[in-house]
């Protein structure tokens, strides 16, 4: 099981989700992807992407405008 971190701070919608989607084919079942973002739609966009793609959103942590999510593949 791999654990990958991705920083998308400074990117605006839809770039953070597009980066996650581009990385997804490399990840195997059980891998964890931690993504940090500060776009105001980031959390909602990631929730929708996980639901559409059948991935598990394990955690959402907010620190001011910065949101960190953990996705299990």
C-alpha atoms as a PDB file:
ATOM      1  CA  UNK A   1       0.000   0.000   0.000  1.00  0.00           C
ATOM      2  CA  UNK A   2       1.416   3.356  -1.042  1.00  0.00           C
ATOM      3  CA  UNK A   3       0.707   6.709   0.547  1.00  0.00           C
ATOM      4  CA  UNK A   4       1.021   9.663  -1.811  1.00  0.00           C
ATOM      5  CA  UNK A   5       0.749  13.376  -1.000  1.00  0.00           C
ATOM      6  CA  UNK A   6      -0.336  16.016  -3.474  1.00  0.00           C
ATOM      7  CA  UNK A   7      -0.337  19.781  -2.916  1.00  0.00           C
ATOM      8  CA  UNK A   8      -2.827  21.695  -5.067  1.00  0.00           C
ATOM      9  CA  UNK A   9      -2.766  24.965  -3.117  1.00  0.00           C
ATOM     10  CA  UNK A  10      -3.024  27.955  -5.410  1.00  0.00           C
ATOM     11  CA  UNK A  11      -4.870  26.009  -8.110  1.00  0.00           C
ATOM     12  CA  UNK A  12      -8.445  26.932  -8.949  1.00  0.00           C
ATOM     13  CA  UNK A  13     -11.369  24.763  -9.961  1.00  0.00           C
ATOM     14  CA  UNK A  14     -11.243  22.433 -11.794  1.00  0.00           C
ATOM     15  CA  UNK A  15      -7.440  22.001 -11.662  1.00  0.00           C
ATOM     16  CA  UNK A  16      -7.204  20.198  -8.263  1.00  0.00           C
ATOM     17  CA  UNK A  17      -9.704  17.500  -9.244  1.00  0.00           C
ATOM     18  CA  UNK A  18      -8.127  17.163 -12.686  1.00  0.00           C
ATOM     19  CA  UNK A  19      -4.735  16.561 -10.998  1.00  0.00           C
ATOM     20  CA  UNK A  20      -6.292  13.883  -8.781  1.00  0.00           C
ATOM     21  CA  UNK A  21      -8.008  12.270 -11.781  1.00  0.00           C
ATOM     22  CA  UNK A  22      -4.743  12.260 -13.744  1.00  0.00           C
ATOM     23  CA  UNK A  23      -2.922  10.536 -10.873  1.00  0.00           C
ATOM     24  CA  UNK A  24      -5.697   8.000 -10.158  1.00  0.00           C
ATOM     25  CA  UNK A  25      -4.744   5.410 -12.841  1.00  0.00           C
ATOM     26  CA  UNK A  26      -1.318   4.995 -11.174  1.00  0.00           C
ATOM     27  CA  UNK A  27      -2.848   4.069  -7.807  1.00  0.00           C
ATOM     28  CA  UNK A  28      -3.745   0.549  -6.747  1.00  0.00           C
ATOM     29  CA  UNK A  29      -6.516  -0.732  -4.484  1.00  0.00           C
ATOM     30  CA  UNK A  30      -5.709   0.194  -0.895  1.00  0.00           C
ATOM     31  CA  UNK A  31      -3.409   3.113  -1.768  1.00  0.00           C
ATOM     32  CA  UNK A  32      -3.981   6.395   0.070  1.00  0.00           C
ATOM     33  CA  UNK A  33      -3.862   9.806  -1.557  1.00  0.00           C
ATOM     34  CA  UNK A  34      -3.632  12.900   0.624  1.00  0.00           C
ATOM     35  CA  UNK A  35      -4.500  16.105  -1.209  1.00  0.00           C
ATOM     36  CA  UNK A  36      -4.155  19.644   0.128  1.00  0.00           C
ATOM     37  CA  UNK A  37      -6.103  22.437  -1.524  1.00  0.00           C
ATOM     38  CA  UNK A  38      -7.340  25.953  -0.885  1.00  0.00           C
ATOM     39  CA  UNK A  39      -9.831  26.515  -3.699  1.00  0.00           C
ATOM     40  CA  UNK A  40     -13.226  27.445  -2.222  1.00  0.00           C
ATOM     41  CA  UNK A  41     -14.909  24.539  -4.080  1.00  0.00           C
ATOM     42  CA  UNK A  42     -12.147  21.986  -3.389  1.00  0.00           C
ATOM     43  CA  UNK A  43     -13.912  19.939  -0.690  1.00  0.00           C
ATOM     44  CA  UNK A  44     -17.197  19.724  -2.582  1.00  0.00           C
ATOM     45  CA  UNK A  45     -15.435  18.878  -5.856  1.00  0.00           C
ATOM     46  CA  UNK A  46     -13.411  16.085  -4.217  1.00  0.00           C
ATOM     47  CA  UNK A  47     -16.517  14.660  -2.494  1.00  0.00           C
ATOM     48  CA  UNK A  48     -18.335  14.503  -5.839  1.00  0.00           C
ATOM     49  CA  UNK A  49     -15.333  12.977  -7.617  1.00  0.00           C
ATOM     50  CA  UNK A  50     -14.951  10.255  -4.953  1.00  0.00           C
ATOM     51  CA  UNK A  51     -18.641   9.409  -5.169  1.00  0.00           C
ATOM     52  CA  UNK A  52     -18.560   9.258  -8.988  1.00  0.00           C
ATOM     53  CA  UNK A  53     -15.381   7.163  -9.058  1.00  0.00           C
ATOM     54  CA  UNK A  54     -16.275   4.825  -6.192  1.00  0.00           C
ATOM     55  CA  UNK A  55     -13.366   5.944  -3.998  1.00  0.00           C
ATOM     56  CA  UNK A  56     -13.561   6.279  -0.202  1.00  0.00           C
ATOM     57  CA  UNK A  57     -13.120   9.746   1.293  1.00  0.00           C
ATOM     58  CA  UNK A  58     -11.541   8.836   4.639  1.00  0.00           C
ATOM     59  CA  UNK A  59     -11.004  12.283   6.140  1.00  0.00           C
ATOM     60  CA  UNK A  60     -11.521  15.986   5.562  1.00  0.00           C
ATOM     61  CA  UNK A  61      -9.542  18.399   7.738  1.00  0.00           C
ATOM     62  CA  UNK A  62      -9.922  22.143   7.530  1.00  0.00           C
ATOM     63  CA  UNK A  63      -7.352  24.713   8.700  1.00  0.00           C
ATOM     64  CA  UNK A  64      -8.722  28.105   7.720  1.00  0.00           C
ATOM     65  CA  UNK A  65      -8.964  28.163   3.927  1.00  0.00           C
ATOM     66  CA  UNK A  66      -6.760  25.067   3.531  1.00  0.00           C
ATOM     67  CA  UNK A  67      -8.479  21.683   3.265  1.00  0.00           C
ATOM     68  CA  UNK A  68      -6.671  18.347   3.484  1.00  0.00           C
ATOM     69  CA  UNK A  69      -8.471  15.237   2.258  1.00  0.00           C
ATOM     70  CA  UNK A  70      -7.474  11.567   2.421  1.00  0.00           C
ATOM     71  CA  UNK A  71      -8.797   9.295  -0.308  1.00  0.00           C
ATOM     72  CA  UNK A  72      -8.529   5.516  -0.272  1.00  0.00           C
ATOM     73  CA  UNK A  73      -8.332   3.760  -3.612  1.00  0.00           C
END
